Amino acid sequence: MSDAFKNHEPSEFIDASTLNGIHRRNAPFHGNFYPFRFVFPDEYQDILEAHGFKVDYLETVSRTYHQGAELFQHVVLEATKL
């Protein structure tokens, strides 16, 4: 899970997965002051499958920022429309 999500303050949750932006100054992607959604890989797969896609490849890629102090995970996914 991304540190920007776990240590989100002063950002606030809009719902269980969405922040009202990235407001913590030293967080990766700080300055994105619009709804910022974090999605779990299995949640993303469920959404796509519910809309007629077959997930062919799914994993997370982790990247650090600020010389390893901040972890940010990205979902990498490949899907086929059925």
C-alpha atoms as a PDB file:
ATOM      1  CA  MET A   1       0.000   0.000   0.000  1.00  0.00           C
ATOM      2  CA  SER A   2       1.280   3.442  -0.885  1.00  0.00           C
ATOM      3  CA  ASP A   3       2.594   5.654   1.909  1.00  0.00           C
ATOM      4  CA  ALA A   4       0.627   8.572   0.443  1.00  0.00           C
ATOM      5  CA  PHE A   5      -2.525   6.597   1.318  1.00  0.00           C
ATOM      6  CA  LYS A   6      -1.442   5.257   4.713  1.00  0.00           C
ATOM      7  CA  ASN A   7       0.022   8.590   5.844  1.00  0.00           C
ATOM      8  CA  HIS A   8      -2.523  10.768   4.075  1.00  0.00           C
ATOM      9  CA  GLU A   9      -3.054  13.692   6.466  1.00  0.00           C
ATOM     10  CA  PRO A  10      -3.796  16.534   5.979  1.00  0.00           C
ATOM     11  CA  SER A  11      -5.719  15.030   3.043  1.00  0.00           C
ATOM     12  CA  GLU A  12      -9.150  13.673   3.906  1.00  0.00           C
ATOM     13  CA  PHE A  13     -11.005  10.600   2.734  1.00  0.00           C
ATOM     14  CA  ILE A  14     -13.932  11.091   0.365  1.00  0.00           C
ATOM     15  CA  ASP A  15     -14.659   7.361   0.576  1.00  0.00           C
ATOM     16  CA  ALA A  16     -12.683   4.289   1.668  1.00  0.00           C
ATOM     17  CA  SER A  17     -10.295   4.483  -1.317  1.00  0.00           C
ATOM     18  CA  THR A  18     -10.304   8.139  -2.387  1.00  0.00           C
ATOM     19  CA  LEU A  19      -8.518  11.144  -0.930  1.00  0.00           C
ATOM     20  CA  ASN A  20      -9.530  14.731  -1.623  1.00  0.00           C
ATOM     21  CA  GLY A  21      -6.071  15.234  -3.119  1.00  0.00           C
ATOM     22  CA  ILE A  22      -2.453  14.794  -2.119  1.00  0.00           C
ATOM     23  CA  HIS A  23      -1.902  17.588   0.397  1.00  0.00           C
ATOM     24  CA  ARG A  24       1.058  16.324   2.456  1.00  0.00           C
ATOM     25  CA  ARG A  25       4.002  18.368   1.174  1.00  0.00           C
ATOM     26  CA  ASN A  26       6.594  15.594   1.094  1.00  0.00           C
ATOM     27  CA  ALA A  27       4.266  12.972  -0.403  1.00  0.00           C
ATOM     28  CA  PRO A  28       4.757  11.715  -3.947  1.00  0.00           C
ATOM     29  CA  PHE A  29       2.307  13.461  -6.281  1.00  0.00           C
ATOM     30  CA  HIS A  30       1.839  16.372  -3.857  1.00  0.00           C
ATOM     31  CA  GLY A  31      -0.036  19.135  -5.608  1.00  0.00           C
ATOM     32  CA  ASN A  32      -2.668  16.898  -7.162  1.00  0.00           C
ATOM     33  CA  PHE A  33      -5.483  18.698  -5.371  1.00  0.00           C
ATOM     34  CA  TYR A  34      -8.321  16.737  -6.923  1.00  0.00           C
ATOM     35  CA  PRO A  35      -9.897  13.405  -5.921  1.00  0.00           C
ATOM     36  CA  PHE A  36      -7.129  10.816  -5.976  1.00  0.00           C
ATOM     37  CA  ARG A  37      -8.262   7.195  -5.893  1.00  0.00           C
ATOM     38  CA  PHE A  38      -6.141   4.320  -4.650  1.00  0.00           C
ATOM     39  CA  VAL A  39      -7.285   0.940  -5.873  1.00  0.00           C
ATOM     40  CA  PHE A  40      -6.338  -2.496  -4.616  1.00  0.00           C
ATOM     41  CA  PRO A  41      -5.363  -4.933  -7.398  1.00  0.00           C
ATOM     42  CA  ASP A  42      -8.175  -7.402  -6.641  1.00  0.00           C
ATOM     43  CA  GLU A  43     -10.698  -4.555  -6.507  1.00  0.00           C
ATOM     44  CA  TYR A  44      -9.519  -3.317  -9.918  1.00  0.00           C
ATOM     45  CA  GLN A  45      -9.815  -6.827 -11.356  1.00  0.00           C
ATOM     46  CA  ASP A  46     -13.352  -7.229  -9.985  1.00  0.00           C
ATOM     47  CA  ILE A  47     -14.434  -3.926 -11.553  1.00  0.00           C
ATOM     48  CA  LEU A  48     -13.061  -4.845 -14.953  1.00  0.00           C
ATOM     49  CA  GLU A  49     -14.515  -8.359 -14.894  1.00  0.00           C
ATOM     50  CA  ALA A  50     -17.911  -6.933 -13.960  1.00  0.00           C
ATOM     51  CA  HIS A  51     -17.708  -4.833 -17.131  1.00  0.00           C
ATOM     52  CA  GLY A  52     -16.849  -7.666 -19.496  1.00  0.00           C
ATOM     53  CA  PHE A  53     -13.056  -7.786 -19.389  1.00  0.00           C
ATOM     54  CA  LYS A  54     -10.792 -10.774 -18.780  1.00  0.00           C
ATOM     55  CA  VAL A  55      -7.693  -9.847 -16.795  1.00  0.00           C
ATOM     56  CA  ASP A  56      -4.679 -11.451 -18.437  1.00  0.00           C
ATOM     57  CA  TYR A  57      -1.918  -9.918 -16.315  1.00  0.00           C
ATOM     58  CA  LEU A  58      -2.012  -8.165 -12.953  1.00  0.00           C
ATOM     59  CA  GLU A  59       0.687  -7.123 -10.514  1.00  0.00           C
ATOM     60  CA  THR A  60       1.922  -4.150  -8.555  1.00  0.00           C
ATOM     61  CA  VAL A  61       5.081  -2.192  -9.198  1.00  0.00           C
ATOM     62  CA  SER A  62       6.609  -0.374  -6.276  1.00  0.00           C
ATOM     63  CA  ARG A  63       8.635   2.799  -6.582  1.00  0.00           C
ATOM     64  CA  THR A  64      10.263   4.839  -3.878  1.00  0.00           C
ATOM     65  CA  TYR A  65      10.616   8.606  -3.689  1.00  0.00           C
ATOM     66  CA  HIS A  66      12.800  10.900  -1.595  1.00  0.00           C
ATOM     67  CA  GLN A  67      15.741   8.480  -1.527  1.00  0.00           C
ATOM     68  CA  GLY A  68      13.646   5.536  -0.433  1.00  0.00           C
ATOM     69  CA  ALA A  69      11.674   7.314   2.291  1.00  0.00           C
ATOM     70  CA  GLU A  70       8.295   7.104   0.509  1.00  0.00           C
ATOM     71  CA  LEU A  71       6.841   4.009  -1.162  1.00  0.00           C
ATOM     72  CA  PHE A  72       4.265   4.340  -3.917  1.00  0.00           C
ATOM     73  CA  GLN A  73       2.674   1.285  -5.544  1.00  0.00           C
ATOM     74  CA  HIS A  74       1.232   1.250  -9.044  1.00  0.00           C
ATOM     75  CA  VAL A  75      -1.118  -1.380 -10.457  1.00  0.00           C
ATOM     76  CA  VAL A  76       0.007  -2.847 -13.785  1.00  0.00           C
ATOM     77  CA  LEU A  77      -2.773  -4.619 -15.606  1.00  0.00           C
ATOM     78  CA  GLU A  78      -3.488  -6.065 -19.017  1.00  0.00           C
ATOM     79  CA  ALA A  79      -7.034  -7.050 -19.945  1.00  0.00           C
ATOM     80  CA  THR A  80      -9.011  -8.258 -22.924  1.00  0.00           C
ATOM     81  CA  LYS A  81     -12.585  -7.221 -23.743  1.00  0.00           C
ATOM     82  CA  LEU A  82     -14.742 -10.328 -23.981  1.00  0.00           C
END
